[in-house]
Amino acid sequence: MIKKKKKTKRMRKITAGELSEVLKEHERWIDTDKKEGQCADLRDADLRKADLSGANLKGATLISADLSSASLKGADLDGAKLRL
């Protein structure tokens, strides 16, 4: 029997500055009823230990993002896509 190697997904590295910009654009997207800014697409992002406390992530895409030890206190994840 031949064992297949498990494919490991590569996590997308994101700097604190990039995350800040993504969150700012996402907030603008929400505030303008999706007319300006951009919905946060953080799929496959390495967000380990990220401080997302109080972040408005309504409707954001976080599919397969690594949120291990991330601070999510007070974050709004209503409608966020969180599948693995």
PDB file of N, CA and C in Angstrom:
ATOM      1  N   MET A   1       0.837  -1.175   0.000  1.00  0.00           N
ATOM      2  CA  MET A   1       0.000   0.000   0.000  1.00  0.00           C
ATOM      3  C   MET A   1       0.890   1.249   0.000  1.00  0.00           C
ATOM      4  N   ILE A   2       0.640   2.124  -0.919  1.00  0.00           N
ATOM      5  CA  ILE A   2       1.418   3.352  -1.040  1.00  0.00           C
ATOM      6  C   ILE A   2       0.679   4.464  -0.308  1.00  0.00           C
ATOM      7  N   LYS A   3       1.399   5.115   0.584  1.00  0.00           N
ATOM      8  CA  LYS A   3       0.809   6.229   1.316  1.00  0.00           C
ATOM      9  C   LYS A   3       1.052   7.513   0.550  1.00  0.00           C
ATOM     10  N   LYS A   4      -0.015   8.285   0.422  1.00  0.00           N
ATOM     11  CA  LYS A   4       0.118   9.583  -0.231  1.00  0.00           C
ATOM     12  C   LYS A   4       0.532  10.621   0.806  1.00  0.00           C
ATOM     13  N   LYS A   5       1.406  11.486   0.395  1.00  0.00           N
ATOM     14  CA  LYS A   5       1.810  12.575   1.280  1.00  0.00           C
ATOM     15  C   LYS A   5       0.669  13.565   1.377  1.00  0.00           C
ATOM     16  N   LYS A   6       0.444  14.010   2.591  1.00  0.00           N
ATOM     17  CA  LYS A   6      -0.567  15.031   2.794  1.00  0.00           C
ATOM     18  C   LYS A   6      -0.044  16.356   2.272  1.00  0.00           C
ATOM     19  N   LYS A   7      -0.850  17.003   1.474  1.00  0.00           N
ATOM     20  CA  LYS A   7      -0.448  18.329   1.001  1.00  0.00           C
ATOM     21  C   LYS A   7      -0.726  19.331   2.106  1.00  0.00           C
ATOM     22  N   THR A   8       0.282  20.083   2.450  1.00  0.00           N
ATOM     23  CA  THR A   8       0.085  21.122   3.447  1.00  0.00           C
ATOM     24  C   THR A   8      -0.084  22.448   2.733  1.00  0.00           C
ATOM     25  N   LYS A   9      -1.109  23.152   3.150  1.00  0.00           N
ATOM     26  CA  LYS A   9      -1.370  24.454   2.544  1.00  0.00           C
ATOM     27  C   LYS A   9      -0.354  25.452   3.041  1.00  0.00           C
ATOM     28  N   ARG A  10       0.094  26.258   2.159  1.00  0.00           N
ATOM     29  CA  ARG A  10       1.007  27.336   2.538  1.00  0.00           C
ATOM     30  C   ARG A  10       0.195  28.501   3.063  1.00  0.00           C
ATOM     31  N   MET A  11       0.536  28.908   4.256  1.00  0.00           N
ATOM     32  CA  MET A  11      -0.139  30.056   4.841  1.00  0.00           C
ATOM     33  C   MET A  11       0.446  31.328   4.232  1.00  0.00           C
ATOM     34  N   ARG A  12      -0.434  32.257   3.976  1.00  0.00           N
ATOM     35  CA  ARG A  12      -0.013  33.537   3.409  1.00  0.00           C
ATOM     36  C   ARG A  12       0.446  34.438   4.543  1.00  0.00           C
ATOM     37  N   LYS A  13       1.698  34.846   4.496  1.00  0.00           N
ATOM     38  CA  LYS A  13       2.236  35.749   5.517  1.00  0.00           C
ATOM     39  C   LYS A  13       1.647  37.134   5.299  1.00  0.00           C
ATOM     40  N   ILE A  14       1.325  37.788   6.380  1.00  0.00           N
ATOM     41  CA  ILE A  14       0.772  39.136   6.292  1.00  0.00           C
ATOM     42  C   ILE A  14       1.392  39.967   7.427  1.00  0.00           C
ATOM     43  N   THR A  15       1.907  41.115   7.065  1.00  0.00           N
ATOM     44  CA  THR A  15       2.535  41.973   8.073  1.00  0.00           C
ATOM     45  C   THR A  15       1.458  42.753   8.829  1.00  0.00           C
ATOM     46  N   ALA A  16       1.850  43.312   9.969  1.00  0.00           N
ATOM     47  CA  ALA A  16       0.919  44.112  10.757  1.00  0.00           C
ATOM     48  C   ALA A  16       0.420  45.308   9.940  1.00  0.00           C
ATOM     49  N   GLY A  17       1.310  45.890   9.140  1.00  0.00           N
ATOM     50  CA  GLY A  17       0.933  47.027   8.293  1.00  0.00           C
ATOM     51  C   GLY A  17      -0.070  46.635   7.225  1.00  0.00           C
ATOM     52  N   GLU A  18       0.154  45.473   6.600  1.00  0.00           N
ATOM     53  CA  GLU A  18      -0.778  44.982   5.579  1.00  0.00           C
ATOM     54  C   GLU A  18      -2.136  44.668   6.199  1.00  0.00           C
ATOM     55  N   LEU A  19      -2.117  44.053   7.381  1.00  0.00           N
ATOM     56  CA  LEU A  19      -3.369  43.727   8.062  1.00  0.00           C
ATOM     57  C   LEU A  19      -4.130  44.999   8.409  1.00  0.00           C
ATOM     58  N   SER A  20      -3.421  45.995   8.879  1.00  0.00           N
ATOM     59  CA  SER A  20      -4.037  47.279   9.210  1.00  0.00           C
ATOM     60  C   SER A  20      -4.720  47.893   7.988  1.00  0.00           C
ATOM     61  N   GLU A  21      -4.049  47.835   6.843  1.00  0.00           N
ATOM     62  CA  GLU A  21      -4.610  48.381   5.601  1.00  0.00           C
ATOM     63  C   GLU A  21      -5.833  47.590   5.154  1.00  0.00           C
ATOM     64  N   VAL A  22      -5.765  46.269   5.245  1.00  0.00           N
ATOM     65  CA  VAL A  22      -6.904  45.417   4.876  1.00  0.00           C
ATOM     66  C   VAL A  22      -8.111  45.752   5.755  1.00  0.00           C
ATOM     67  N   LEU A  23      -7.871  45.900   7.060  1.00  0.00           N
ATOM     68  CA  LEU A  23      -8.967  46.210   7.981  1.00  0.00           C
ATOM     69  C   LEU A  23      -9.545  47.597   7.731  1.00  0.00           C
ATOM     70  N   LYS A  24      -8.685  48.538   7.395  1.00  0.00           N
ATOM     71  CA  LYS A  24      -9.140  49.902   7.088  1.00  0.00           C
ATOM     72  C   LYS A  24     -10.027  49.913   5.840  1.00  0.00           C
ATOM     73  N   GLU A  25      -9.589  49.212   4.798  1.00  0.00           N
ATOM     74  CA  GLU A  25     -10.369  49.139   3.556  1.00  0.00           C
ATOM     75  C   GLU A  25     -11.681  48.387   3.769  1.00  0.00           C
ATOM     76  N   HIS A  26     -11.651  47.378   4.632  1.00  0.00           N
ATOM     77  CA  HIS A  26     -12.855  46.618   4.932  1.00  0.00           C
ATOM     78  C   HIS A  26     -13.866  47.491   5.678  1.00  0.00           C
ATOM     79  N   GLU A  27     -13.378  48.252   6.628  1.00  0.00           N
ATOM     80  CA  GLU A  27     -14.244  49.175   7.375  1.00  0.00           C
ATOM     81  C   GLU A  27     -14.893  50.181   6.428  1.00  0.00           C
ATOM     82  N   ARG A  28     -14.114  50.705   5.487  1.00  0.00           N
ATOM     83  CA  ARG A  28     -14.644  51.640   4.489  1.00  0.00           C
ATOM     84  C   ARG A  28     -15.701  50.957   3.628  1.00  0.00           C
ATOM     85  N   TRP A  29     -15.456  49.702   3.260  1.00  0.00           N
ATOM     86  CA  TRP A  29     -16.391  48.913   2.453  1.00  0.00           C
ATOM     87  C   TRP A  29     -17.729  48.775   3.185  1.00  0.00           C
ATOM     88  N   ILE A  30     -17.662  48.531   4.490  1.00  0.00           N
ATOM     89  CA  ILE A  30     -18.884  48.404   5.288  1.00  0.00           C
ATOM     90  C   ILE A  30     -19.572  49.755   5.433  1.00  0.00           C
ATOM     91  N   ASP A  31     -18.813  50.785   5.775  1.00  0.00           N
ATOM     92  CA  ASP A  31     -19.368  52.119   6.006  1.00  0.00           C
ATOM     93  C   ASP A  31     -20.035  52.713   4.771  1.00  0.00           C
ATOM     94  N   THR A  32     -19.567  52.345   3.585  1.00  0.00           N
ATOM     95  CA  THR A  32     -20.129  52.909   2.345  1.00  0.00           C
ATOM     96  C   THR A  32     -21.098  51.949   1.666  1.00  0.00           C
ATOM     97  N   ASP A  33     -21.571  50.961   2.418  1.00  0.00           N
ATOM     98  CA  ASP A  33     -22.502  49.967   1.878  1.00  0.00           C
ATOM     99  C   ASP A  33     -21.944  49.291   0.625  1.00  0.00           C
ATOM    100  N   LYS A  34     -20.682  48.921   0.694  1.00  0.00           N
ATOM    101  CA  LYS A  34     -19.963  48.163  -0.339  1.00  0.00           C
ATOM    102  C   LYS A  34     -19.671  48.959  -1.618  1.00  0.00           C
ATOM    103  N   LYS A  35     -19.772  50.291  -1.547  1.00  0.00           N
ATOM    104  CA  LYS A  35     -19.511  51.122  -2.727  1.00  0.00           C
ATOM    105  C   LYS A  35     -18.046  51.521  -2.850  1.00  0.00           C
ATOM    106  N   GLU A  36     -17.361  51.610  -1.730  1.00  0.00           N
ATOM    107  CA  GLU A  36     -15.940  51.975  -1.718  1.00  0.00           C
ATOM    108  C   GLU A  36     -15.198  50.994  -0.834  1.00  0.00           C
ATOM    109  N   GLY A  37     -13.902  51.019  -0.897  1.00  0.00           N
ATOM    110  CA  GLY A  37     -13.108  50.095  -0.097  1.00  0.00           C
ATOM    111  C   GLY A  37     -13.163  48.698  -0.685  1.00  0.00           C
ATOM    112  N   GLN A  38     -12.857  47.723   0.139  1.00  0.00           N
ATOM    113  CA  GLN A  38     -12.801  46.347  -0.342  1.00  0.00           C
ATOM    114  C   GLN A  38     -13.095  45.390   0.803  1.00  0.00           C
ATOM    115  N   CYS A  39     -13.859  44.349   0.502  1.00  0.00           N
ATOM    116  CA  CYS A  39     -14.131  43.317   1.487  1.00  0.00           C
ATOM    117  C   CYS A  39     -12.816  42.618   1.839  1.00  0.00           C
ATOM    118  N   ALA A  40     -12.576  42.419   3.124  1.00  0.00           N
ATOM    119  CA  ALA A  40     -11.332  41.777   3.577  1.00  0.00           C
ATOM    120  C   ALA A  40     -11.276  40.326   3.104  1.00  0.00           C
ATOM    121  N   ASP A  41     -10.241  40.005   2.355  1.00  0.00           N
ATOM    122  CA  ASP A  41     -10.002  38.632   1.918  1.00  0.00           C
ATOM    123  C   ASP A  41      -8.735  38.152   2.613  1.00  0.00           C
ATOM    124  N   LEU A  42      -8.936  37.441   3.703  1.00  0.00           N
ATOM    125  CA  LEU A  42      -7.810  36.959   4.503  1.00  0.00           C
ATOM    126  C   LEU A  42      -7.728  35.431   4.449  1.00  0.00           C
ATOM    127  N   ARG A  43      -8.207  34.857   3.353  1.00  0.00           N
ATOM    128  CA  ARG A  43      -8.142  33.394   3.225  1.00  0.00           C
ATOM    129  C   ARG A  43      -6.685  32.940   3.226  1.00  0.00           C
ATOM    130  N   ASP A  44      -6.440  31.843   3.907  1.00  0.00           N
ATOM    131  CA  ASP A  44      -5.103  31.239   4.024  1.00  0.00           C
ATOM    132  C   ASP A  44      -4.076  32.158   4.691  1.00  0.00           C
ATOM    133  N   ALA A  45      -4.534  33.199   5.370  1.00  0.00           N
ATOM    134  CA  ALA A  45      -3.596  34.140   6.007  1.00  0.00           C
ATOM    135  C   ALA A  45      -3.107  33.598   7.343  1.00  0.00           C
ATOM    136  N   ASP A  46      -1.855  33.827   7.622  1.00  0.00           N
ATOM    137  CA  ASP A  46      -1.262  33.465   8.897  1.00  0.00           C
ATOM    138  C   ASP A  46      -1.542  34.614   9.863  1.00  0.00           C
ATOM    139  N   LEU A  47      -2.579  34.441  10.672  1.00  0.00           N
ATOM    140  CA  LEU A  47      -2.980  35.480  11.613  1.00  0.00           C
ATOM    141  C   LEU A  47      -2.730  35.033  13.058  1.00  0.00           C
ATOM    142  N   ARG A  48      -1.806  34.089  13.212  1.00  0.00           N
ATOM    143  CA  ARG A  48      -1.472  33.630  14.557  1.00  0.00           C
ATOM    144  C   ARG A  48      -1.013  34.808  15.408  1.00  0.00           C
ATOM    145  N   LYS A  49      -1.593  34.897  16.590  1.00  0.00           N
ATOM    146  CA  LYS A  49      -1.254  35.935  17.572  1.00  0.00           C
ATOM    147  C   LYS A  49      -1.599  37.351  17.108  1.00  0.00           C
ATOM    148  N   ALA A  50      -2.383  37.484  16.047  1.00  0.00           N
ATOM    149  CA  ALA A  50      -2.768  38.820  15.573  1.00  0.00           C
ATOM    150  C   ALA A  50      -3.749  39.452  16.549  1.00  0.00           C
ATOM    151  N   ASP A  51      -3.661  40.747  16.708  1.00  0.00           N
ATOM    152  CA  ASP A  51      -4.602  41.465  17.561  1.00  0.00           C
ATOM    153  C   ASP A  51      -5.747  41.967  16.691  1.00  0.00           C
ATOM    154  N   LEU A  52      -6.842  41.218  16.718  1.00  0.00           N
ATOM    155  CA  LEU A  52      -8.030  41.582  15.956  1.00  0.00           C
ATOM    156  C   LEU A  52      -9.143  42.028  16.898  1.00  0.00           C
ATOM    157  N   SER A  53      -8.774  42.352  18.135  1.00  0.00           N
ATOM    158  CA  SER A  53      -9.774  42.759  19.116  1.00  0.00           C
ATOM    159  C   SER A  53     -10.480  44.025  18.641  1.00  0.00           C
ATOM    160  N   GLY A  54     -11.800  43.971  18.688  1.00  0.00           N
ATOM    161  CA  GLY A  54     -12.613  45.109  18.272  1.00  0.00           C
ATOM    162  C   GLY A  54     -12.718  45.295  16.772  1.00  0.00           C
ATOM    163  N   ALA A  55     -12.100  44.424  15.981  1.00  0.00           N
ATOM    164  CA  ALA A  55     -12.117  44.576  14.523  1.00  0.00           C
ATOM    165  C   ALA A  55     -13.505  44.277  13.965  1.00  0.00           C
ATOM    166  N   ASN A  56     -13.909  45.052  12.985  1.00  0.00           N
ATOM    167  CA  ASN A  56     -15.172  44.809  12.304  1.00  0.00           C
ATOM    168  C   ASN A  56     -14.873  43.918  11.098  1.00  0.00           C
ATOM    169  N   LEU A  57     -15.166  42.639  11.225  1.00  0.00           N
ATOM    170  CA  LEU A  57     -14.890  41.675  10.161  1.00  0.00           C
ATOM    171  C   LEU A  57     -16.184  41.119   9.570  1.00  0.00           C
ATOM    172  N   LYS A  58     -17.255  41.918   9.626  1.00  0.00           N
ATOM    173  CA  LYS A  58     -18.536  41.496   9.056  1.00  0.00           C
ATOM    174  C   LYS A  58     -18.344  41.120   7.595  1.00  0.00           C
ATOM    175  N   GLY A  59     -18.742  39.900   7.250  1.00  0.00           N
ATOM    176  CA  GLY A  59     -18.695  39.472   5.860  1.00  0.00           C
ATOM    177  C   GLY A  59     -17.305  39.185   5.316  1.00  0.00           C
ATOM    178  N   ALA A  60     -16.269  39.291   6.130  1.00  0.00           N
ATOM    179  CA  ALA A  60     -14.892  39.058   5.673  1.00  0.00           C
ATOM    180  C   ALA A  60     -14.674  37.586   5.335  1.00  0.00           C
ATOM    181  N   THR A  61     -13.722  37.320   4.469  1.00  0.00           N
ATOM    182  CA  THR A  61     -13.360  35.952   4.119  1.00  0.00           C
ATOM    183  C   THR A  61     -12.127  35.550   4.911  1.00  0.00           C
ATOM    184  N   LEU A  62     -12.311  34.567   5.794  1.00  0.00           N
ATOM    185  CA  LEU A  62     -11.229  34.074   6.647  1.00  0.00           C
ATOM    186  C   LEU A  62     -11.063  32.567   6.467  1.00  0.00           C
ATOM    187  N   ILE A  63     -11.478  32.071   5.314  1.00  0.00           N
ATOM    188  CA  ILE A  63     -11.422  30.636   5.043  1.00  0.00           C
ATOM    189  C   ILE A  63      -9.976  30.150   5.149  1.00  0.00           C
ATOM    190  N   SER A  64      -9.776  29.123   5.941  1.00  0.00           N
ATOM    191  CA  SER A  64      -8.466  28.493   6.169  1.00  0.00           C
ATOM    192  C   SER A  64      -7.413  29.420   6.763  1.00  0.00           C
ATOM    193  N   ALA A  65      -7.840  30.558   7.313  1.00  0.00           N
ATOM    194  CA  ALA A  65      -6.883  31.430   8.001  1.00  0.00           C
ATOM    195  C   ALA A  65      -6.512  30.788   9.333  1.00  0.00           C
ATOM    196  N   ASP A  66      -5.274  30.954   9.744  1.00  0.00           N
ATOM    197  CA  ASP A  66      -4.826  30.424  11.025  1.00  0.00           C
ATOM    198  C   ASP A  66      -5.005  31.521  12.074  1.00  0.00           C
ATOM    199  N   LEU A  67      -5.999  31.325  12.937  1.00  0.00           N
ATOM    200  CA  LEU A  67      -6.315  32.304  13.970  1.00  0.00           C
ATOM    201  C   LEU A  67      -5.848  31.838  15.349  1.00  0.00           C
ATOM    202  N   SER A  68      -4.907  30.898  15.380  1.00  0.00           N
ATOM    203  CA  SER A  68      -4.390  30.375  16.642  1.00  0.00           C
ATOM    204  C   SER A  68      -3.851  31.505  17.508  1.00  0.00           C
ATOM    205  N   SER A  69      -4.328  31.567  18.718  1.00  0.00           N
ATOM    206  CA  SER A  69      -3.892  32.560  19.711  1.00  0.00           C
ATOM    207  C   SER A  69      -4.150  33.999  19.276  1.00  0.00           C
ATOM    208  N   ALA A  70      -4.984  34.204  18.268  1.00  0.00           N
ATOM    209  CA  ALA A  70      -5.324  35.571  17.867  1.00  0.00           C
ATOM    210  C   ALA A  70      -6.291  36.150  18.899  1.00  0.00           C
ATOM    211  N   SER A  71      -6.198  37.433  19.143  1.00  0.00           N
ATOM    212  CA  SER A  71      -7.111  38.108  20.056  1.00  0.00           C
ATOM    213  C   SER A  71      -8.316  38.579  19.254  1.00  0.00           C
ATOM    214  N   LEU A  72      -9.484  38.002  19.570  1.00  0.00           N
ATOM    215  CA  LEU A  72     -10.714  38.330  18.847  1.00  0.00           C
ATOM    216  C   LEU A  72     -11.751  38.981  19.761  1.00  0.00           C
ATOM    217  N   LYS A  73     -11.321  39.408  20.942  1.00  0.00           N
ATOM    218  CA  LYS A  73     -12.252  39.999  21.898  1.00  0.00           C
ATOM    219  C   LYS A  73     -12.949  41.217  21.283  1.00  0.00           C
ATOM    220  N   GLY A  74     -14.272  41.152  21.254  1.00  0.00           N
ATOM    221  CA  GLY A  74     -15.055  42.275  20.731  1.00  0.00           C
ATOM    222  C   GLY A  74     -15.076  42.378  19.215  1.00  0.00           C
ATOM    223  N   ALA A  75     -14.456  41.428  18.520  1.00  0.00           N
ATOM    224  CA  ALA A  75     -14.457  41.459  17.045  1.00  0.00           C
ATOM    225  C   ALA A  75     -15.848  41.082  16.539  1.00  0.00           C
ATOM    226  N   ASP A  76     -16.284  41.725  15.480  1.00  0.00           N
ATOM    227  CA  ASP A  76     -17.573  41.421  14.869  1.00  0.00           C
ATOM    228  C   ASP A  76     -17.337  40.504  13.679  1.00  0.00           C
ATOM    229  N   LEU A  77     -17.725  39.249  13.828  1.00  0.00           N
ATOM    230  CA  LEU A  77     -17.538  38.239  12.781  1.00  0.00           C
ATOM    231  C   LEU A  77     -18.855  37.856  12.126  1.00  0.00           C
ATOM    232  N   ASP A  78     -19.867  38.700  12.274  1.00  0.00           N
ATOM    233  CA  ASP A  78     -21.180  38.416  11.693  1.00  0.00           C
ATOM    234  C   ASP A  78     -21.066  38.222  10.180  1.00  0.00           C
ATOM    235  N   GLY A  79     -21.475  37.052   9.711  1.00  0.00           N
ATOM    236  CA  GLY A  79     -21.453  36.777   8.283  1.00  0.00           C
ATOM    237  C   GLY A  79     -20.075  36.468   7.711  1.00  0.00           C
ATOM    238  N   ALA A  80     -19.061  36.424   8.563  1.00  0.00           N
ATOM    239  CA  ALA A  80     -17.703  36.117   8.082  1.00  0.00           C
ATOM    240  C   ALA A  80     -17.622  34.652   7.639  1.00  0.00           C
ATOM    241  N   LYS A  81     -16.840  34.411   6.616  1.00  0.00           N
ATOM    242  CA  LYS A  81     -16.656  33.064   6.101  1.00  0.00           C
ATOM    243  C   LYS A  81     -15.432  32.457   6.794  1.00  0.00           C
ATOM    244  N   LEU A  82     -15.682  31.397   7.608  1.00  0.00           N
ATOM    245  CA  LEU A  82     -14.632  30.863   8.466  1.00  0.00           C
ATOM    246  C   LEU A  82     -14.324  29.390   8.234  1.00  0.00           C
ATOM    247  N   ARG A  83     -14.781  28.794   7.174  1.00  0.00           N
ATOM    248  CA  ARG A  83     -14.528  27.364   6.939  1.00  0.00           C
ATOM    249  C   ARG A  83     -13.038  27.049   6.931  1.00  0.00           C
ATOM    250  N   LEU A  84     -12.739  25.796   7.224  1.00  0.00           N
ATOM    251  CA  LEU A  84     -11.350  25.325   7.152  1.00  0.00           C
ATOM    252  C   LEU A  84     -11.011  24.901   5.761  1.00  0.00           C
TER     253      LEU A  84
END
